[in-house]
Structure formats: structure tokens, C-alpha cells
């Protein structure tokens, strides 16, 4: 099975709540590669993840919920 790329922009209270660590931890557990960074607007996080489609699906569901301190308002997803 070939790898795919998932690009996400998570908007809401996602900076200063451990969101990047949360995303990296779950991506690592799912054997995904990529990166996550705070956006300049201070209200969103950008994620690029690559791996098997089924693992990307699981990852997207997890980050749509985020860590307990996060408040997700909107998610933009692109493959």
C-alpha cells in the first residue's frame, strides 16, 4: 500500500495546551511521519502527516478531538 499525505489546519484554542506534543505522540504511535507547527495567527496549528491511509484516518479522528485543554472550532483537511 502506498503512503498518502494529509494536511490539516486546526483552528480554535490549540496553542499553549500541548496540542503539538499530543499530535506528535499520536503520529508516532501510528508510525506516521511529518510535522506540526503553530500558525502565526495564534489560533491554529498546521499539520502535515504521511503514511498508510487507514493510519491517517485514525490520526485525523484523534486530532479532531485534541487534548483535554483544546477547544476545536474548525478543521480544514486535505489529501
PDB file of N, CA and C in Angstrom:
ATOM      1  N   UNK A   1       0.855  -1.185   0.000  1.00  0.00           N
ATOM      2  CA  UNK A   1       0.000   0.000   0.000  1.00  0.00           C
ATOM      3  C   UNK A   1       0.895   1.240   0.000  1.00  0.00           C
ATOM      4  N   UNK A   2       0.544   2.215  -0.800  1.00  0.00           N
ATOM      5  CA  UNK A   2       1.376   3.408  -0.892  1.00  0.00           C
ATOM      6  C   UNK A   2       0.983   4.439   0.160  1.00  0.00           C
ATOM      7  N   UNK A   3       1.947   5.263   0.503  1.00  0.00           N
ATOM      8  CA  UNK A   3       1.726   6.311   1.504  1.00  0.00           C
ATOM      9  C   UNK A   3       0.949   7.468   0.888  1.00  0.00           C
ATOM     10  N   UNK A   4       0.181   8.123   1.725  1.00  0.00           N
ATOM     11  CA  UNK A   4      -0.552   9.327   1.339  1.00  0.00           C
ATOM     12  C   UNK A   4      -0.132  10.461   2.251  1.00  0.00           C
ATOM     13  N   UNK A   5      -0.513  11.669   1.854  1.00  0.00           N
ATOM     14  CA  UNK A   5      -0.229  12.857   2.663  1.00  0.00           C
ATOM     15  C   UNK A   5      -1.547  13.480   3.107  1.00  0.00           C
ATOM     16  N   UNK A   6      -1.612  13.836   4.383  1.00  0.00           N
ATOM     17  CA  UNK A   6      -2.758  14.509   4.973  1.00  0.00           C
ATOM     18  C   UNK A   6      -2.292  15.863   5.479  1.00  0.00           C
ATOM     19  N   UNK A   7      -2.989  16.924   5.072  1.00  0.00           N
ATOM     20  CA  UNK A   7      -2.689  18.266   5.548  1.00  0.00           C
ATOM     21  C   UNK A   7      -3.887  18.762   6.341  1.00  0.00           C
ATOM     22  N   UNK A   8      -3.633  19.231   7.568  1.00  0.00           N
ATOM     23  CA  UNK A   8      -4.699  19.704   8.443  1.00  0.00           C
ATOM     24  C   UNK A   8      -4.380  21.096   8.958  1.00  0.00           C
ATOM     25  N   UNK A   9      -5.418  21.889   9.122  1.00  0.00           N
ATOM     26  CA  UNK A   9      -5.326  23.165   9.832  1.00  0.00           C
ATOM     27  C   UNK A   9      -6.408  23.117  10.897  1.00  0.00           C
ATOM     28  N   UNK A  10      -5.987  23.107  12.151  1.00  0.00           N
ATOM     29  CA  UNK A  10      -6.892  23.002  13.287  1.00  0.00           C
ATOM     30  C   UNK A  10      -7.012  24.391  13.908  1.00  0.00           C
ATOM     31  N   UNK A  11      -8.233  24.922  13.973  1.00  0.00           N
ATOM     32  CA  UNK A  11      -8.471  26.278  14.462  1.00  0.00           C
ATOM     33  C   UNK A  11      -9.233  26.222  15.782  1.00  0.00           C
ATOM     34  N   UNK A  12      -8.850  27.095  16.702  1.00  0.00           N
ATOM     35  CA  UNK A  12      -9.515  27.197  18.000  1.00  0.00           C
ATOM     36  C   UNK A  12      -8.489  27.481  19.080  1.00  0.00           C
ATOM     37  N   UNK A  13      -8.760  27.004  20.273  1.00  0.00           N
ATOM     38  CA  UNK A  13      -7.768  27.123  21.349  1.00  0.00           C
ATOM     39  C   UNK A  13      -6.866  25.893  21.266  1.00  0.00           C
ATOM     40  N   UNK A  14      -5.819  26.016  20.462  1.00  0.00           N
ATOM     41  CA  UNK A  14      -4.924  24.887  20.210  1.00  0.00           C
ATOM     42  C   UNK A  14      -3.456  25.227  20.482  1.00  0.00           C
ATOM     43  N   UNK A  15      -3.183  26.465  20.819  1.00  0.00           N
ATOM     44  CA  UNK A  15      -1.811  26.847  21.161  1.00  0.00           C
ATOM     45  C   UNK A  15      -1.728  27.020  22.678  1.00  0.00           C
ATOM     46  N   UNK A  16      -0.644  26.526  23.254  1.00  0.00           N
ATOM     47  CA  UNK A  16      -0.451  26.641  24.692  1.00  0.00           C
ATOM     48  C   UNK A  16      -1.195  25.588  25.498  1.00  0.00           C
ATOM     49  N   UNK A  17      -1.700  24.547  24.825  1.00  0.00           N
ATOM     50  CA  UNK A  17      -2.446  23.493  25.524  1.00  0.00           C
ATOM     51  C   UNK A  17      -1.841  22.114  25.279  1.00  0.00           C
ATOM     52  N   UNK A  18      -0.629  22.056  24.712  1.00  0.00           N
ATOM     53  CA  UNK A  18       0.029  20.779  24.452  1.00  0.00           C
ATOM     54  C   UNK A  18      -0.435  20.092  23.181  1.00  0.00           C
ATOM     55  N   UNK A  19      -1.043  20.846  22.280  1.00  0.00           N
ATOM     56  CA  UNK A  19      -1.582  20.241  21.067  1.00  0.00           C
ATOM     57  C   UNK A  19      -0.484  19.653  20.189  1.00  0.00           C
ATOM     58  N   UNK A  20       0.612  20.368  20.021  1.00  0.00           N
ATOM     59  CA  UNK A  20       1.685  19.849  19.156  1.00  0.00           C
ATOM     60  C   UNK A  20       2.254  18.552  19.710  1.00  0.00           C
ATOM     61  N   UNK A  21       2.512  18.518  21.011  1.00  0.00           N
ATOM     62  CA  UNK A  21       3.021  17.293  21.631  1.00  0.00           C
ATOM     63  C   UNK A  21       2.020  16.155  21.452  1.00  0.00           C
ATOM     64  N   UNK A  22       0.740  16.450  21.670  1.00  0.00           N
ATOM     65  CA  UNK A  22      -0.346  15.485  21.513  1.00  0.00           C
ATOM     66  C   UNK A  22      -0.327  14.894  20.094  1.00  0.00           C
ATOM     67  N   UNK A  23      -0.247  15.766  19.090  1.00  0.00           N
ATOM     68  CA  UNK A  23      -0.254  15.318  17.697  1.00  0.00           C
ATOM     69  C   UNK A  23       0.978  14.484  17.373  1.00  0.00           C
ATOM     70  N   UNK A  24       2.142  14.939  17.800  1.00  0.00           N
ATOM     71  CA  UNK A  24       3.385  14.199  17.528  1.00  0.00           C
ATOM     72  C   UNK A  24       3.341  12.825  18.186  1.00  0.00           C
ATOM     73  N   UNK A  25       2.873  12.762  19.409  1.00  0.00           N
ATOM     74  CA  UNK A  25       2.785  11.497  20.131  1.00  0.00           C
ATOM     75  C   UNK A  25       1.887  10.500  19.404  1.00  0.00           C
ATOM     76  N   UNK A  26       0.718  10.945  18.967  1.00  0.00           N
ATOM     77  CA  UNK A  26      -0.207  10.051  18.267  1.00  0.00           C
ATOM     78  C   UNK A  26       0.312   9.681  16.884  1.00  0.00           C
ATOM     79  N   UNK A  27       0.945  10.604  16.203  1.00  0.00           N
ATOM     80  CA  UNK A  27       1.533  10.288  14.896  1.00  0.00           C
ATOM     81  C   UNK A  27       2.617   9.230  15.046  1.00  0.00           C
ATOM     82  N   UNK A  28       3.436   9.364  16.067  1.00  0.00           N
ATOM     83  CA  UNK A  28       4.497   8.390  16.323  1.00  0.00           C
ATOM     84  C   UNK A  28       3.903   7.012  16.618  1.00  0.00           C
ATOM     85  N   UNK A  29       2.863   6.970  17.445  1.00  0.00           N
ATOM     86  CA  UNK A  29       2.198   5.697  17.764  1.00  0.00           C
ATOM     87  C   UNK A  29       1.657   5.012  16.516  1.00  0.00           C
ATOM     88  N   UNK A  30       1.256   5.797  15.523  1.00  0.00           N
ATOM     89  CA  UNK A  30       0.691   5.263  14.283  1.00  0.00           C
ATOM     90  C   UNK A  30       1.729   5.111  13.171  1.00  0.00           C
ATOM     91  N   UNK A  31       3.002   5.343  13.496  1.00  0.00           N
ATOM     92  CA  UNK A  31       4.115   5.223  12.536  1.00  0.00           C
ATOM     93  C   UNK A  31       3.944   6.171  11.349  1.00  0.00           C
ATOM     94  N   UNK A  32       3.455   7.382  11.630  1.00  0.00           N
ATOM     95  CA  UNK A  32       3.329   8.411  10.599  1.00  0.00           C
ATOM     96  C   UNK A  32       4.529   9.345  10.674  1.00  0.00           C
ATOM     97  N   UNK A  33       4.845   9.973   9.563  1.00  0.00           N
ATOM     98  CA  UNK A  33       5.896  10.978   9.534  1.00  0.00           C
ATOM     99  C   UNK A  33       5.279  12.314   9.166  1.00  0.00           C
ATOM    100  N   UNK A  34       6.019  13.392   9.404  1.00  0.00           N
ATOM    101  CA  UNK A  34       5.541  14.712   9.042  1.00  0.00           C
ATOM    102  C   UNK A  34       5.949  15.752  10.050  1.00  0.00           C
ATOM    103  N   UNK A  35       5.129  16.789  10.187  1.00  0.00           N
ATOM    104  CA  UNK A  35       5.448  17.874  11.113  1.00  0.00           C
ATOM    105  C   UNK A  35       4.171  18.542  11.597  1.00  0.00           C
ATOM    106  N   UNK A  36       4.323  19.293  12.680  1.00  0.00           N
ATOM    107  CA  UNK A  36       3.230  20.095  13.239  1.00  0.00           C
ATOM    108  C   UNK A  36       3.830  21.392  13.749  1.00  0.00           C
ATOM    109  N   UNK A  37       3.132  22.515  13.513  1.00  0.00           N
ATOM    110  CA  UNK A  37       3.651  23.797  13.992  1.00  0.00           C
ATOM    111  C   UNK A  37       2.502  24.749  14.294  1.00  0.00           C
ATOM    112  N   UNK A  38       2.761  25.664  15.209  1.00  0.00           N
ATOM    113  CA  UNK A  38       1.812  26.729  15.493  1.00  0.00           C
ATOM    114  C   UNK A  38       1.791  27.684  14.312  1.00  0.00           C
ATOM    115  N   UNK A  39       0.619  28.138  13.928  1.00  0.00           N
ATOM    116  CA  UNK A  39       0.494  29.136  12.866  1.00  0.00           C
ATOM    117  C   UNK A  39       0.697  30.524  13.466  1.00  0.00           C
ATOM    118  N   UNK A  40       1.032  31.478  12.635  1.00  0.00           N
ATOM    119  CA  UNK A  40       1.288  32.844  13.086  1.00  0.00           C
ATOM    120  C   UNK A  40       0.059  33.546  13.659  1.00  0.00           C
ATOM    121  N   UNK A  41      -1.124  33.054  13.335  1.00  0.00           N
ATOM    122  CA  UNK A  41      -2.340  33.726  13.799  1.00  0.00           C
ATOM    123  C   UNK A  41      -2.652  33.474  15.282  1.00  0.00           C
ATOM    124  N   UNK A  42      -1.874  32.617  15.936  1.00  0.00           N
ATOM    125  CA  UNK A  42      -2.029  32.280  17.357  1.00  0.00           C
ATOM    126  C   UNK A  42      -3.352  31.598  17.673  1.00  0.00           C
ATOM    127  N   UNK A  43      -4.090  31.162  16.644  1.00  0.00           N
ATOM    128  CA  UNK A  43      -5.370  30.474  16.847  1.00  0.00           C
ATOM    129  C   UNK A  43      -5.440  29.149  16.105  1.00  0.00           C
ATOM    130  N   UNK A  44      -4.330  28.739  15.485  1.00  0.00           N
ATOM    131  CA  UNK A  44      -4.392  27.493  14.730  1.00  0.00           C
ATOM    132  C   UNK A  44      -3.057  26.772  14.737  1.00  0.00           C
ATOM    133  N   UNK A  45      -3.153  25.493  14.399  1.00  0.00           N
ATOM    134  CA  UNK A  45      -1.998  24.608  14.283  1.00  0.00           C
ATOM    135  C   UNK A  45      -2.070  23.985  12.902  1.00  0.00           C
ATOM    136  N   UNK A  46      -0.917  23.875  12.247  1.00  0.00           N
ATOM    137  CA  UNK A  46      -0.848  23.242  10.935  1.00  0.00           C
ATOM    138  C   UNK A  46      -0.123  21.914  11.068  1.00  0.00           C
ATOM    139  N   UNK A  47      -0.658  20.886  10.399  1.00  0.00           N
ATOM    140  CA  UNK A  47      -0.103  19.535  10.479  1.00  0.00           C
ATOM    141  C   UNK A  47       0.018  18.965   9.077  1.00  0.00           C
ATOM    142  N   UNK A  48       1.137  18.321   8.809  1.00  0.00           N
ATOM    143  CA  UNK A  48       1.295  17.509   7.612  1.00  0.00           C
ATOM    144  C   UNK A  48       1.739  16.138   8.095  1.00  0.00           C
ATOM    145  N   UNK A  49       0.993  15.104   7.717  1.00  0.00           N
ATOM    146  CA  UNK A  49       1.311  13.735   8.119  1.00  0.00           C
ATOM    147  C   UNK A  49       1.301  12.850   6.883  1.00  0.00           C
ATOM    148  N   UNK A  50       2.214  11.896   6.864  1.00  0.00           N
ATOM    149  CA  UNK A  50       2.291  10.958   5.749  1.00  0.00           C
ATOM    150  C   UNK A  50       2.325   9.536   6.287  1.00  0.00           C
ATOM    151  N   UNK A  51       1.646   8.648   5.580  1.00  0.00           N
ATOM    152  CA  UNK A  51       1.633   7.245   5.973  1.00  0.00           C
ATOM    153  C   UNK A  51       0.499   6.509   5.285  1.00  0.00           C
ATOM    154  N   UNK A  52       0.206   5.318   5.805  1.00  0.00           N
ATOM    155  CA  UNK A  52      -0.851   4.492   5.238  1.00  0.00           C
ATOM    156  C   UNK A  52      -2.211   5.165   5.452  1.00  0.00           C
ATOM    157  N   UNK A  53      -3.083   5.103   4.444  1.00  0.00           N
ATOM    158  CA  UNK A  53      -4.376   5.791   4.524  1.00  0.00           C
ATOM    159  C   UNK A  53      -5.179   5.470   5.784  1.00  0.00           C
ATOM    160  N   UNK A  54      -5.225   4.218   6.192  1.00  0.00           N
ATOM    161  CA  UNK A  54      -6.008   3.849   7.378  1.00  0.00           C
ATOM    162  C   UNK A  54      -5.443   4.498   8.633  1.00  0.00           C
ATOM    163  N   UNK A  55      -4.130   4.591   8.722  1.00  0.00           N
ATOM    164  CA  UNK A  55      -3.492   5.231   9.878  1.00  0.00           C
ATOM    165  C   UNK A  55      -3.742   6.738   9.866  1.00  0.00           C
ATOM    166  N   UNK A  56      -3.737   7.328   8.683  1.00  0.00           N
ATOM    167  CA  UNK A  56      -4.045   8.757   8.578  1.00  0.00           C
ATOM    168  C   UNK A  56      -5.487   9.034   9.006  1.00  0.00           C
ATOM    169  N   UNK A  57      -6.396   8.140   8.645  1.00  0.00           N
ATOM    170  CA  UNK A  57      -7.793   8.291   9.067  1.00  0.00           C
ATOM    171  C   UNK A  57      -7.889   8.284  10.593  1.00  0.00           C
ATOM    172  N   UNK A  58      -7.208   7.332  11.236  1.00  0.00           N
ATOM    173  CA  UNK A  58      -7.234   7.253  12.703  1.00  0.00           C
ATOM    174  C   UNK A  58      -6.621   8.501  13.322  1.00  0.00           C
ATOM    175  N   UNK A  59      -5.505   8.956  12.757  1.00  0.00           N
ATOM    176  CA  UNK A  59      -4.826  10.148  13.261  1.00  0.00           C
ATOM    177  C   UNK A  59      -5.741  11.370  13.164  1.00  0.00           C
ATOM    178  N   UNK A  60      -6.398  11.522  12.017  1.00  0.00           N
ATOM    179  CA  UNK A  60      -7.277  12.683  11.838  1.00  0.00           C
ATOM    180  C   UNK A  60      -8.397  12.685  12.882  1.00  0.00           C
ATOM    181  N   UNK A  61      -8.971  11.540  13.158  1.00  0.00           N
ATOM    182  CA  UNK A  61     -10.037  11.475  14.166  1.00  0.00           C
ATOM    183  C   UNK A  61      -9.529  11.883  15.542  1.00  0.00           C
ATOM    184  N   UNK A  62      -8.328  11.450  15.895  1.00  0.00           N
ATOM    185  CA  UNK A  62      -7.749  11.781  17.204  1.00  0.00           C
ATOM    186  C   UNK A  62      -7.488  13.279  17.315  1.00  0.00           C
ATOM    187  N   UNK A  63      -6.861  13.875  16.295  1.00  0.00           N
ATOM    188  CA  UNK A  63      -6.525  15.295  16.400  1.00  0.00           C
ATOM    189  C   UNK A  63      -7.754  16.192  16.263  1.00  0.00           C
ATOM    190  N   UNK A  64      -8.827  15.710  15.683  1.00  0.00           N
ATOM    191  CA  UNK A  64     -10.073  16.484  15.637  1.00  0.00           C
ATOM    192  C   UNK A  64     -10.634  16.685  17.043  1.00  0.00           C
ATOM    193  N   UNK A  65     -10.324  15.760  17.955  1.00  0.00           N
ATOM    194  CA  UNK A  65     -10.739  15.897  19.359  1.00  0.00           C
ATOM    195  C   UNK A  65      -9.708  16.697  20.153  1.00  0.00           C
ATOM    196  N   UNK A  66      -8.432  16.475  19.879  1.00  0.00           N
ATOM    197  CA  UNK A  66      -7.354  17.191  20.560  1.00  0.00           C
ATOM    198  C   UNK A  66      -7.205  16.807  22.015  1.00  0.00           C
ATOM    199  N   UNK A  67      -6.211  17.388  22.679  1.00  0.00           N
ATOM    200  CA  UNK A  67      -6.006  17.129  24.105  1.00  0.00           C
ATOM    201  C   UNK A  67      -7.100  17.801  24.930  1.00  0.00           C
ATOM    202  N   UNK A  68      -7.169  17.478  26.193  1.00  0.00           N
ATOM    203  CA  UNK A  68      -8.274  17.947  27.041  1.00  0.00           C
ATOM    204  C   UNK A  68      -8.374  19.471  27.132  1.00  0.00           C
ATOM    205  N   UNK A  69      -7.266  20.200  27.050  1.00  0.00           N
ATOM    206  CA  UNK A  69      -7.307  21.658  27.164  1.00  0.00           C
ATOM    207  C   UNK A  69      -7.671  22.385  25.880  1.00  0.00           C
ATOM    208  N   UNK A  70      -7.718  21.667  24.778  1.00  0.00           N
ATOM    209  CA  UNK A  70      -8.005  22.291  23.482  1.00  0.00           C
ATOM    210  C   UNK A  70      -9.501  22.475  23.277  1.00  0.00           C
ATOM    211  N   UNK A  71      -9.847  23.488  22.493  1.00  0.00           N
ATOM    212  CA  UNK A  71     -11.237  23.715  22.074  1.00  0.00           C
ATOM    213  C   UNK A  71     -11.214  23.907  20.554  1.00  0.00           C
ATOM    214  N   UNK A  72     -11.566  22.850  19.851  1.00  0.00           N
ATOM    215  CA  UNK A  72     -11.519  22.871  18.390  1.00  0.00           C
ATOM    216  C   UNK A  72     -12.761  23.577  17.850  1.00  0.00           C
ATOM    217  N   UNK A  73     -12.545  24.596  17.017  1.00  0.00           N
ATOM    218  CA  UNK A  73     -13.653  25.326  16.395  1.00  0.00           C
ATOM    219  C   UNK A  73     -13.860  24.906  14.946  1.00  0.00           C
ATOM    220  N   UNK A  74     -12.760  24.600  14.250  1.00  0.00           N
ATOM    221  CA  UNK A  74     -12.849  24.309  12.815  1.00  0.00           C
ATOM    222  C   UNK A  74     -11.637  23.479  12.398  1.00  0.00           C
ATOM    223  N   UNK A  75     -11.862  22.553  11.464  1.00  0.00           N
ATOM    224  CA  UNK A  75     -10.768  21.740  10.926  1.00  0.00           C
ATOM    225  C   UNK A  75     -10.835  21.784   9.419  1.00  0.00           C
ATOM    226  N   UNK A  76      -9.721  22.129   8.789  1.00  0.00           N
ATOM    227  CA  UNK A  76      -9.579  22.048   7.333  1.00  0.00           C
ATOM    228  C   UNK A  76      -8.705  20.846   7.052  1.00  0.00           C
ATOM    229  N   UNK A  77      -9.177  19.960   6.188  1.00  0.00           N
ATOM    230  CA  UNK A  77      -8.463  18.726   5.878  1.00  0.00           C
ATOM    231  C   UNK A  77      -8.316  18.588   4.377  1.00  0.00           C
ATOM    232  N   UNK A  78      -7.120  18.164   3.957  1.00  0.00           N
ATOM    233  CA  UNK A  78      -6.854  17.996   2.519  1.00  0.00           C
ATOM    234  C   UNK A  78      -5.929  16.807   2.324  1.00  0.00           C
ATOM    235  N   UNK A  79      -6.216  16.005   1.317  1.00  0.00           N
ATOM    236  CA  UNK A  79      -5.326  14.890   0.945  1.00  0.00           C
ATOM    237  C   UNK A  79      -4.859  15.074  -0.477  1.00  0.00           C
TER     238      UNK A  79
END
